[in-house]
Amino acid sequence: MRRSKLRFRVIFIVADRMTEVITDRVLKVLFVGDIVGRPGRTWLKECLGALREELEIDLVIANAENAAAGAGITTSLVQEIQAAGVDGITLGDHVWDQRGFEKEIDRLERVCRPANLDPVCPGRDHLVIETKGQRVAVFTVLGRNFMKPRDCPFRAADRVIQSLDGQVDAILAEIHAEATSEKVAFGRYLEGRVAAVLGTHTHVPTADAAILPKGTAYITDVGMTGPYDSVIGRDVAPVVSGFLDGLPRRFSVAKDDVRLSAVLIEIDSSGLAQDIRLIVKGVMS
């Protein structure tokens, strides 16, 4: 599905004469799936710069809730990921896993926690980032099926979208959830109101990237940026053993077959999507 493109005014001044030219251009946004541990961070730093240049990307958003050894994030890791070329960071159910992060998050201007956490929680429930003269909002919610009880992600999304009315040019919505059905329903609930609904959390990229009938880009799970020779990012042996005997053990982040998994979304002048593509870049062993 292709739609009309963003229109930018470019002014040329030649021999003291001003000429205004209208050019068409889509806004290209790369959303990077869950960054898992040191392997994910290292590969992100290795390839994101070239990818931004190759694909002419205007904005990069990444879920980084697994950046610190697979569980949570720290201020220093936020800075490391931003230095790699990420413009905005979303988090998920591991948001508070690193000790003391709840005291730091308010100082991190381009990091947002899930919007359906309790309102007393610190941190921003959405981001607004300006690029190429366009204001793009980003927010994430946690699913409720097979996860800890949270406020309704659907109602939380309504609240955030209503608060942004007339203030932004496009909105990206992330749902960090276990159940495919919940993610698909969330996409259908928001279609036509946001540029994209992007699923994360399960770390396995799905084959259903599409533009929904009302112009919203959708994918059930973007996948992870981390080691794929693993069980969703963790060493295989202890995870398999845990399923066999149920005993507690440490699940360390795996190291091999590291890939970046992301989606590239093209947004037009309507604030809706005209294209979505799954991009997987690797391999680092």
C-alpha atoms as a PDB file:
ATOM      1  CA  MET A   1       0.000   0.000   0.000  1.00  0.00           C
ATOM      2  CA  ARG A   2       1.554   3.284  -1.103  1.00  0.00           C
ATOM      3  CA  ARG A   3       0.339   6.692  -0.012  1.00  0.00           C
ATOM      4  CA  SER A   4       1.125  10.365  -0.613  1.00  0.00           C
ATOM      5  CA  LYS A   5       4.520  11.438   0.688  1.00  0.00           C
ATOM      6  CA  LEU A   6       5.591  14.136   3.138  1.00  0.00           C
ATOM      7  CA  ARG A   7       6.122  17.445   1.399  1.00  0.00           C
ATOM      8  CA  PHE A   8       9.130  19.567   2.404  1.00  0.00           C
ATOM      9  CA  ARG A   9       9.819  23.145   1.351  1.00  0.00           C
ATOM     10  CA  VAL A  10      13.380  23.704   0.158  1.00  0.00           C
ATOM     11  CA  ILE A  11      14.532  27.252  -0.521  1.00  0.00           C
ATOM     12  CA  PHE A  12      17.428  27.893  -2.931  1.00  0.00           C
ATOM     13  CA  ILE A  13      19.107  31.290  -3.158  1.00  0.00           C
ATOM     14  CA  VAL A  14      21.024  31.853  -6.392  1.00  0.00           C
ATOM     15  CA  ALA A  15      22.357  35.263  -7.446  1.00  0.00           C
ATOM     16  CA  ASP A  16      20.265  36.921  -4.722  1.00  0.00           C
ATOM     17  CA  ARG A  17      17.068  35.415  -6.142  1.00  0.00           C
ATOM     18  CA  MET A  18      15.039  33.128  -3.948  1.00  0.00           C
ATOM     19  CA  THR A  19      13.307  30.059  -5.377  1.00  0.00           C
ATOM     20  CA  GLU A  20      11.033  27.797  -3.349  1.00  0.00           C
ATOM     21  CA  VAL A  21      10.775  24.176  -4.378  1.00  0.00           C
ATOM     22  CA  ILE A  22       8.372  21.618  -2.962  1.00  0.00           C
ATOM     23  CA  THR A  23       9.972  18.198  -2.567  1.00  0.00           C
ATOM     24  CA  ASP A  24       8.323  14.920  -1.636  1.00  0.00           C
ATOM     25  CA  ARG A  25       9.906  12.735   1.031  1.00  0.00           C
ATOM     26  CA  VAL A  26       8.748  10.059   3.419  1.00  0.00           C
ATOM     27  CA  LEU A  27       9.866   9.987   7.025  1.00  0.00           C
ATOM     28  CA  LYS A  28      11.876   6.813   7.629  1.00  0.00           C
ATOM     29  CA  VAL A  29      11.802   5.392  11.147  1.00  0.00           C
ATOM     30  CA  LEU A  30      13.779   2.350  12.262  1.00  0.00           C
ATOM     31  CA  PHE A  31      12.439   0.521  15.322  1.00  0.00           C
ATOM     32  CA  VAL A  32      14.989  -1.877  16.821  1.00  0.00           C
ATOM     33  CA  GLY A  33      13.775  -4.963  18.678  1.00  0.00           C
ATOM     34  CA  ASP A  34      14.780  -5.782  22.270  1.00  0.00           C
ATOM     35  CA  ILE A  35      18.528  -5.203  22.742  1.00  0.00           C
ATOM     36  CA  VAL A  36      19.814  -8.168  24.757  1.00  0.00           C
ATOM     37  CA  GLY A  37      22.943  -7.823  26.867  1.00  0.00           C
ATOM     38  CA  ARG A  38      26.472  -7.008  25.788  1.00  0.00           C
ATOM     39  CA  PRO A  39      26.261  -9.001  22.509  1.00  0.00           C
ATOM     40  CA  GLY A  40      23.223  -6.997  21.398  1.00  0.00           C
ATOM     41  CA  ARG A  41      24.784  -3.680  22.379  1.00  0.00           C
ATOM     42  CA  THR A  42      28.081  -4.503  20.665  1.00  0.00           C
ATOM     43  CA  TRP A  43      26.422  -5.490  17.390  1.00  0.00           C
ATOM     44  CA  LEU A  44      24.182  -2.414  17.513  1.00  0.00           C
ATOM     45  CA  LYS A  45      27.258  -0.192  17.784  1.00  0.00           C
ATOM     46  CA  GLU A  46      28.927  -2.128  14.983  1.00  0.00           C
ATOM     47  CA  CYS A  47      26.220  -1.831  12.353  1.00  0.00           C
ATOM     48  CA  LEU A  48      23.697   0.922  13.167  1.00  0.00           C
ATOM     49  CA  GLY A  49      25.709   3.824  11.763  1.00  0.00           C
ATOM     50  CA  ALA A  50      26.136   2.206   8.368  1.00  0.00           C
ATOM     51  CA  LEU A  51      22.511   1.099   8.368  1.00  0.00           C
ATOM     52  CA  ARG A  52      21.302   4.650   9.053  1.00  0.00           C
ATOM     53  CA  GLU A  53      23.326   5.914   6.110  1.00  0.00           C
ATOM     54  CA  GLU A  54      22.438   3.069   3.748  1.00  0.00           C
ATOM     55  CA  LEU A  55      18.686   3.281   4.343  1.00  0.00           C
ATOM     56  CA  GLU A  56      18.593   7.093   4.836  1.00  0.00           C
ATOM     57  CA  ILE A  57      16.941   6.677   8.221  1.00  0.00           C
ATOM     58  CA  ASP A  58      15.583   9.800   9.909  1.00  0.00           C
ATOM     59  CA  LEU A  59      14.822   8.425  13.372  1.00  0.00           C
ATOM     60  CA  VAL A  60      15.859   5.349  15.379  1.00  0.00           C
ATOM     61  CA  ILE A  61      13.856   4.023  18.317  1.00  0.00           C
ATOM     62  CA  ALA A  62      14.933   0.922  20.262  1.00  0.00           C
ATOM     63  CA  ASN A  63      13.546  -1.218  23.033  1.00  0.00           C
ATOM     64  CA  ALA A  64      16.438  -1.623  25.481  1.00  0.00           C
ATOM     65  CA  GLU A  65      14.846  -3.206  28.528  1.00  0.00           C
ATOM     66  CA  ASN A  66      17.196  -6.223  28.313  1.00  0.00           C
ATOM     67  CA  ALA A  67      20.382  -4.217  27.739  1.00  0.00           C
ATOM     68  CA  ALA A  68      21.955  -4.851  31.167  1.00  0.00           C
ATOM     69  CA  ALA A  69      22.941  -8.534  31.146  1.00  0.00           C
ATOM     70  CA  GLY A  70      19.478  -9.356  29.813  1.00  0.00           C
ATOM     71  CA  ALA A  71      17.472  -7.618  32.545  1.00  0.00           C
ATOM     72  CA  GLY A  72      16.864  -3.880  32.748  1.00  0.00           C
ATOM     73  CA  ILE A  73      19.066  -0.927  31.905  1.00  0.00           C
ATOM     74  CA  THR A  74      21.308   1.639  33.579  1.00  0.00           C
ATOM     75  CA  THR A  75      22.065   5.288  32.886  1.00  0.00           C
ATOM     76  CA  SER A  76      25.503   4.431  31.493  1.00  0.00           C
ATOM     77  CA  LEU A  77      23.966   1.905  29.101  1.00  0.00           C
ATOM     78  CA  VAL A  78      21.371   4.461  27.978  1.00  0.00           C
ATOM     79  CA  GLN A  79      24.248   6.759  27.087  1.00  0.00           C
ATOM     80  CA  GLU A  80      26.095   3.954  25.290  1.00  0.00           C
ATOM     81  CA  ILE A  81      23.045   3.042  23.195  1.00  0.00           C
ATOM     82  CA  GLN A  82      22.325   6.668  22.333  1.00  0.00           C
ATOM     83  CA  ALA A  83      25.954   7.153  21.293  1.00  0.00           C
ATOM     84  CA  ALA A  84      25.497   4.223  18.885  1.00  0.00           C
ATOM     85  CA  GLY A  85      22.835   6.235  17.027  1.00  0.00           C
ATOM     86  CA  VAL A  86      19.561   5.511  18.845  1.00  0.00           C
ATOM     87  CA  ASP A  87      17.361   8.594  19.256  1.00  0.00           C
ATOM     88  CA  GLY A  88      14.774   7.251  21.694  1.00  0.00           C
ATOM     89  CA  ILE A  89      14.556   4.267  24.060  1.00  0.00           C
ATOM     90  CA  THR A  90      11.505   2.333  25.235  1.00  0.00           C
ATOM     91  CA  LEU A  91      11.403  -0.113  28.138  1.00  0.00           C
ATOM     92  CA  GLY A  92       9.215  -3.017  29.228  1.00  0.00           C
ATOM     93  CA  ASP A  93       8.486  -5.354  32.121  1.00  0.00           C
ATOM     94  CA  HIS A  94      12.161  -5.368  33.222  1.00  0.00           C
ATOM     95  CA  VAL A  95      12.178  -1.579  33.618  1.00  0.00           C
ATOM     96  CA  TRP A  96      13.058  -1.655  37.337  1.00  0.00           C
ATOM     97  CA  ASP A  97      15.372  -4.697  37.356  1.00  0.00           C
ATOM     98  CA  GLN A  98      18.558  -2.675  37.848  1.00  0.00           C
ATOM     99  CA  ARG A  99      18.900  -1.355  41.379  1.00  0.00           C
ATOM    100  CA  GLY A 100      18.378   2.387  41.689  1.00  0.00           C
ATOM    101  CA  PHE A 101      17.171   2.964  38.134  1.00  0.00           C
ATOM    102  CA  GLU A 102      13.868   4.299  39.445  1.00  0.00           C
ATOM    103  CA  LYS A 103      15.875   7.211  40.886  1.00  0.00           C
ATOM    104  CA  GLU A 104      17.601   7.908  37.576  1.00  0.00           C
ATOM    105  CA  ILE A 105      14.914   7.575  34.909  1.00  0.00           C
ATOM    106  CA  ASP A 106      13.443  11.066  35.347  1.00  0.00           C
ATOM    107  CA  ARG A 107      16.781  12.570  34.272  1.00  0.00           C
ATOM    108  CA  LEU A 108      16.818  10.577  31.018  1.00  0.00           C
ATOM    109  CA  GLU A 109      14.921  12.769  28.572  1.00  0.00           C
ATOM    110  CA  ARG A 110      14.706  10.270  25.709  1.00  0.00           C
ATOM    111  CA  VAL A 111      13.721   7.180  27.674  1.00  0.00           C
ATOM    112  CA  CYS A 112      10.132   6.160  28.363  1.00  0.00           C
ATOM    113  CA  ARG A 113       8.703   3.437  30.586  1.00  0.00           C
ATOM    114  CA  PRO A 114       5.425   1.618  29.884  1.00  0.00           C
ATOM    115  CA  ALA A 115       2.450   3.990  29.920  1.00  0.00           C
ATOM    116  CA  ASN A 116       0.213   1.570  31.834  1.00  0.00           C
ATOM    117  CA  LEU A 117       2.368   1.319  34.940  1.00  0.00           C
ATOM    118  CA  ASP A 118       0.905   2.830  38.093  1.00  0.00           C
ATOM    119  CA  PRO A 119       0.753   6.641  37.702  1.00  0.00           C
ATOM    120  CA  VAL A 120       2.957   7.088  40.784  1.00  0.00           C
ATOM    121  CA  CYS A 121       5.888   5.426  38.981  1.00  0.00           C
ATOM    122  CA  PRO A 122       8.712   7.737  37.903  1.00  0.00           C
ATOM    123  CA  GLY A 123       9.622   8.235  34.273  1.00  0.00           C
ATOM    124  CA  ARG A 124       7.927   9.475  31.123  1.00  0.00           C
ATOM    125  CA  ASP A 125       4.967   7.615  29.644  1.00  0.00           C
ATOM    126  CA  HIS A 126       5.809   8.785  26.119  1.00  0.00           C
ATOM    127  CA  LEU A 127       8.452  10.621  24.104  1.00  0.00           C
ATOM    128  CA  VAL A 128       8.165  13.344  21.461  1.00  0.00           C
ATOM    129  CA  ILE A 129      11.190  13.620  19.191  1.00  0.00           C
ATOM    130  CA  GLU A 130      11.569  16.145  16.397  1.00  0.00           C
ATOM    131  CA  THR A 131      13.329  15.138  13.183  1.00  0.00           C
ATOM    132  CA  LYS A 132      13.290  16.693   9.710  1.00  0.00           C
ATOM    133  CA  GLY A 133      10.788  19.254  10.951  1.00  0.00           C
ATOM    134  CA  GLN A 134       8.351  16.543  12.068  1.00  0.00           C
ATOM    135  CA  ARG A 135       7.326  15.737  15.647  1.00  0.00           C
ATOM    136  CA  VAL A 136       7.085  11.993  16.252  1.00  0.00           C
ATOM    137  CA  ALA A 137       5.614  10.574  19.459  1.00  0.00           C
ATOM    138  CA  VAL A 138       6.512   7.155  20.850  1.00  0.00           C
ATOM    139  CA  PHE A 139       4.951   5.189  23.687  1.00  0.00           C
ATOM    140  CA  THR A 140       4.815   1.612  24.910  1.00  0.00           C
ATOM    141  CA  VAL A 141       2.381  -0.441  26.969  1.00  0.00           C
ATOM    142  CA  LEU A 142       2.632  -3.810  28.694  1.00  0.00           C
ATOM    143  CA  GLY A 143       0.259  -6.610  27.815  1.00  0.00           C
ATOM    144  CA  ARG A 144      -1.776  -8.349  30.517  1.00  0.00           C
ATOM    145  CA  ASN A 145      -2.187 -11.914  29.220  1.00  0.00           C
ATOM    146  CA  PHE A 146       0.364 -14.235  30.914  1.00  0.00           C
ATOM    147  CA  MET A 147       2.042 -11.207  32.530  1.00  0.00           C
ATOM    148  CA  LYS A 148       1.760  -9.378  35.850  1.00  0.00           C
ATOM    149  CA  PRO A 149      -1.470  -7.385  36.304  1.00  0.00           C
ATOM    150  CA  ARG A 150      -1.294  -3.864  34.875  1.00  0.00           C
ATOM    151  CA  ASP A 151      -3.688  -1.110  33.942  1.00  0.00           C
ATOM    152  CA  CYS A 152      -5.510  -1.770  30.673  1.00  0.00           C
ATOM    153  CA  PRO A 153      -3.073  -1.218  27.762  1.00  0.00           C
ATOM    154  CA  PHE A 154      -5.940  -0.268  25.440  1.00  0.00           C
ATOM    155  CA  ARG A 155      -7.237   2.487  27.761  1.00  0.00           C
ATOM    156  CA  ALA A 156      -3.702   3.658  28.491  1.00  0.00           C
ATOM    157  CA  ALA A 157      -3.097   4.032  24.749  1.00  0.00           C
ATOM    158  CA  ASP A 158      -6.321   6.036  24.417  1.00  0.00           C
ATOM    159  CA  ARG A 159      -5.124   8.369  27.168  1.00  0.00           C
ATOM    160  CA  VAL A 160      -1.689   8.957  25.617  1.00  0.00           C
ATOM    161  CA  ILE A 161      -3.062   9.460  22.100  1.00  0.00           C
ATOM    162  CA  GLN A 162      -5.671  11.926  23.358  1.00  0.00           C
ATOM    163  CA  SER A 163      -2.975  13.898  25.220  1.00  0.00           C
ATOM    164  CA  LEU A 164      -1.001  14.206  21.962  1.00  0.00           C
ATOM    165  CA  ASP A 165      -3.901  15.397  19.819  1.00  0.00           C
ATOM    166  CA  GLY A 166      -2.793  18.259  17.584  1.00  0.00           C
ATOM    167  CA  GLN A 167       0.744  18.283  19.004  1.00  0.00           C
ATOM    168  CA  VAL A 168       2.553  15.711  16.839  1.00  0.00           C
ATOM    169  CA  ASP A 169       2.763  14.638  13.209  1.00  0.00           C
ATOM    170  CA  ALA A 170       2.918  10.883  13.805  1.00  0.00           C
ATOM    171  CA  ILE A 171       2.651   8.374  16.656  1.00  0.00           C
ATOM    172  CA  LEU A 172       4.415   5.032  17.132  1.00  0.00           C
ATOM    173  CA  ALA A 173       2.819   2.607  19.600  1.00  0.00           C
ATOM    174  CA  GLU A 174       4.677  -0.398  21.011  1.00  0.00           C
ATOM    175  CA  ILE A 175       3.008  -3.278  22.840  1.00  0.00           C
ATOM    176  CA  HIS A 176       5.356  -5.330  24.990  1.00  0.00           C
ATOM    177  CA  ALA A 177       3.349  -8.501  25.472  1.00  0.00           C
ATOM    178  CA  GLU A 178       3.313 -12.308  25.482  1.00  0.00           C
ATOM    179  CA  ALA A 179       0.063 -13.154  23.696  1.00  0.00           C
ATOM    180  CA  THR A 180      -0.169 -12.875  19.923  1.00  0.00           C
ATOM    181  CA  SER A 181      -3.928 -12.372  20.158  1.00  0.00           C
ATOM    182  CA  GLU A 182      -3.526  -9.402  22.499  1.00  0.00           C
ATOM    183  CA  LYS A 183      -0.998  -7.777  20.180  1.00  0.00           C
ATOM    184  CA  VAL A 184      -3.147  -8.296  17.075  1.00  0.00           C
ATOM    185  CA  ALA A 185      -6.224  -6.929  18.871  1.00  0.00           C
ATOM    186  CA  PHE A 186      -4.222  -3.913  20.046  1.00  0.00           C
ATOM    187  CA  GLY A 187      -3.131  -3.228  16.476  1.00  0.00           C
ATOM    188  CA  ARG A 188      -6.692  -3.370  15.226  1.00  0.00           C
ATOM    189  CA  TYR A 189      -7.867  -1.163  18.081  1.00  0.00           C
ATOM    190  CA  LEU A 190      -5.388   1.589  17.185  1.00  0.00           C
ATOM    191  CA  GLU A 191      -5.368   1.268  13.388  1.00  0.00           C
ATOM    192  CA  GLY A 192      -5.933   4.560  11.642  1.00  0.00           C
ATOM    193  CA  ARG A 193      -4.976   6.494  14.787  1.00  0.00           C
ATOM    194  CA  VAL A 194      -1.231   5.785  14.869  1.00  0.00           C
ATOM    195  CA  ALA A 195       1.461   5.303  12.245  1.00  0.00           C
ATOM    196  CA  ALA A 196       2.574   1.947  13.645  1.00  0.00           C
ATOM    197  CA  VAL A 197       1.803  -0.689  16.250  1.00  0.00           C
ATOM    198  CA  LEU A 198       4.916  -2.730  16.982  1.00  0.00           C
ATOM    199  CA  GLY A 199       5.034  -5.853  19.141  1.00  0.00           C
ATOM    200  CA  THR A 200       8.029  -6.705  21.305  1.00  0.00           C
ATOM    201  CA  HIS A 201       8.946  -8.961  24.272  1.00  0.00           C
ATOM    202  CA  THR A 202       8.944 -12.487  22.832  1.00  0.00           C
ATOM    203  CA  HIS A 203      12.282 -11.981  21.013  1.00  0.00           C
ATOM    204  CA  VAL A 204      11.263 -13.930  17.882  1.00  0.00           C
ATOM    205  CA  PRO A 205      10.587 -11.877  14.717  1.00  0.00           C
ATOM    206  CA  THR A 206       7.239 -12.693  13.150  1.00  0.00           C
ATOM    207  CA  ALA A 207       6.358 -12.926   9.456  1.00  0.00           C
ATOM    208  CA  ASP A 208       3.256 -10.718   9.528  1.00  0.00           C
ATOM    209  CA  ALA A 209       4.589  -7.191   8.905  1.00  0.00           C
ATOM    210  CA  ALA A 210       1.817  -5.378   7.020  1.00  0.00           C
ATOM    211  CA  ILE A 211      -0.057  -2.136   6.507  1.00  0.00           C
ATOM    212  CA  LEU A 212      -3.496  -2.515   8.075  1.00  0.00           C
ATOM    213  CA  PRO A 213      -6.515  -1.310   6.048  1.00  0.00           C
ATOM    214  CA  LYS A 214      -6.655   2.088   7.790  1.00  0.00           C
ATOM    215  CA  GLY A 215      -2.978   2.871   7.199  1.00  0.00           C
ATOM    216  CA  THR A 216      -1.224   1.634  10.352  1.00  0.00           C
ATOM    217  CA  ALA A 217       1.972  -0.422  10.042  1.00  0.00           C
ATOM    218  CA  TYR A 218       1.835  -3.571  12.163  1.00  0.00           C
ATOM    219  CA  ILE A 219       4.023  -6.481  13.261  1.00  0.00           C
ATOM    220  CA  THR A 220       3.354  -8.941  16.084  1.00  0.00           C
ATOM    221  CA  ASP A 221       6.994  -9.068  17.182  1.00  0.00           C
ATOM    222  CA  VAL A 222      10.024  -7.194  15.887  1.00  0.00           C
ATOM    223  CA  GLY A 223      12.370  -9.805  17.353  1.00  0.00           C
ATOM    224  CA  MET A 224      15.517  -9.155  19.370  1.00  0.00           C
ATOM    225  CA  THR A 225      18.876  -7.589  18.765  1.00  0.00           C
ATOM    226  CA  GLY A 226      21.039 -10.198  20.400  1.00  0.00           C
ATOM    227  CA  PRO A 227      22.265 -13.807  20.221  1.00  0.00           C
ATOM    228  CA  TYR A 228      20.017 -16.161  18.231  1.00  0.00           C
ATOM    229  CA  ASP A 229      22.015 -19.324  19.047  1.00  0.00           C
ATOM    230  CA  SER A 230      20.074 -19.364  22.307  1.00  0.00           C
ATOM    231  CA  VAL A 231      16.678 -19.699  23.914  1.00  0.00           C
ATOM    232  CA  ILE A 232      15.348 -16.160  23.326  1.00  0.00           C
ATOM    233  CA  GLY A 233      18.747 -14.712  24.186  1.00  0.00           C
ATOM    234  CA  ARG A 234      19.859 -17.023  27.011  1.00  0.00           C
ATOM    235  CA  ASP A 235      22.315 -19.934  27.059  1.00  0.00           C
ATOM    236  CA  VAL A 236      20.552 -23.052  25.811  1.00  0.00           C
ATOM    237  CA  ALA A 237      21.610 -25.714  28.342  1.00  0.00           C
ATOM    238  CA  PRO A 238      20.377 -24.139  31.602  1.00  0.00           C
ATOM    239  CA  VAL A 239      17.066 -23.129  30.035  1.00  0.00           C
ATOM    240  CA  VAL A 240      16.401 -26.634  28.699  1.00  0.00           C
ATOM    241  CA  SER A 241      17.409 -28.130  32.057  1.00  0.00           C
ATOM    242  CA  GLY A 242      15.043 -25.766  33.808  1.00  0.00           C
ATOM    243  CA  PHE A 243      12.157 -27.038  31.717  1.00  0.00           C
ATOM    244  CA  LEU A 244      13.136 -30.622  32.551  1.00  0.00           C
ATOM    245  CA  ASP A 245      13.566 -30.425  36.335  1.00  0.00           C
ATOM    246  CA  GLY A 246      12.105 -27.087  37.395  1.00  0.00           C
ATOM    247  CA  LEU A 247      15.109 -26.240  39.562  1.00  0.00           C
ATOM    248  CA  PRO A 248      16.313 -22.629  39.807  1.00  0.00           C
ATOM    249  CA  ARG A 249      19.513 -21.771  37.954  1.00  0.00           C
ATOM    250  CA  ARG A 250      21.189 -18.766  36.367  1.00  0.00           C
ATOM    251  CA  PHE A 251      20.236 -17.999  32.764  1.00  0.00           C
ATOM    252  CA  SER A 252      23.215 -16.142  31.324  1.00  0.00           C
ATOM    253  CA  VAL A 253      23.042 -14.179  28.072  1.00  0.00           C
ATOM    254  CA  ALA A 254      24.253 -16.282  25.131  1.00  0.00           C
ATOM    255  CA  LYS A 255      27.010 -15.072  22.814  1.00  0.00           C
ATOM    256  CA  ASP A 256      26.719 -16.508  19.298  1.00  0.00           C
ATOM    257  CA  ASP A 257      24.837 -15.772  16.070  1.00  0.00           C
ATOM    258  CA  VAL A 258      24.182 -12.156  17.017  1.00  0.00           C
ATOM    259  CA  ARG A 259      21.752 -10.262  14.807  1.00  0.00           C
ATOM    260  CA  LEU A 260      20.038  -6.904  14.725  1.00  0.00           C
ATOM    261  CA  SER A 261      16.307  -7.266  14.164  1.00  0.00           C
ATOM    262  CA  ALA A 262      14.282  -4.159  13.359  1.00  0.00           C
ATOM    263  CA  VAL A 263      11.486  -2.778  11.217  1.00  0.00           C
ATOM    264  CA  LEU A 264      11.781   0.150   8.841  1.00  0.00           C
ATOM    265  CA  ILE A 265       8.572   2.191   8.652  1.00  0.00           C
ATOM    266  CA  GLU A 266       7.877   4.864   6.046  1.00  0.00           C
ATOM    267  CA  ILE A 267       5.431   7.531   7.219  1.00  0.00           C
ATOM    268  CA  ASP A 268       3.698   9.938   4.852  1.00  0.00           C
ATOM    269  CA  SER A 269       2.122  13.382   5.240  1.00  0.00           C
ATOM    270  CA  SER A 270      -1.064  11.934   6.711  1.00  0.00           C
ATOM    271  CA  GLY A 271       0.863  10.653   9.737  1.00  0.00           C
ATOM    272  CA  LEU A 272       0.140   7.082   8.661  1.00  0.00           C
ATOM    273  CA  ALA A 273       2.394   4.421   7.171  1.00  0.00           C
ATOM    274  CA  GLN A 274       2.969   3.643   3.531  1.00  0.00           C
ATOM    275  CA  ASP A 275       5.432   0.796   4.055  1.00  0.00           C
ATOM    276  CA  ILE A 276       6.917  -1.516   6.704  1.00  0.00           C
ATOM    277  CA  ARG A 277       9.845  -3.902   6.238  1.00  0.00           C
ATOM    278  CA  LEU A 278      11.467  -6.367   8.607  1.00  0.00           C
ATOM    279  CA  ILE A 279      15.253  -5.961   8.595  1.00  0.00           C
ATOM    280  CA  VAL A 280      17.582  -8.565  10.086  1.00  0.00           C
ATOM    281  CA  LYS A 281      21.300  -7.843  10.011  1.00  0.00           C
ATOM    282  CA  GLY A 282      24.002 -10.236  11.240  1.00  0.00           C
ATOM    283  CA  VAL A 283      25.882 -12.427  11.832  1.00  0.00           C
ATOM    284  CA  MET A 284      28.527 -11.854  14.537  1.00  0.00           C
ATOM    285  CA  SER A 285      29.894 -15.008  16.249  1.00  0.00           C
END
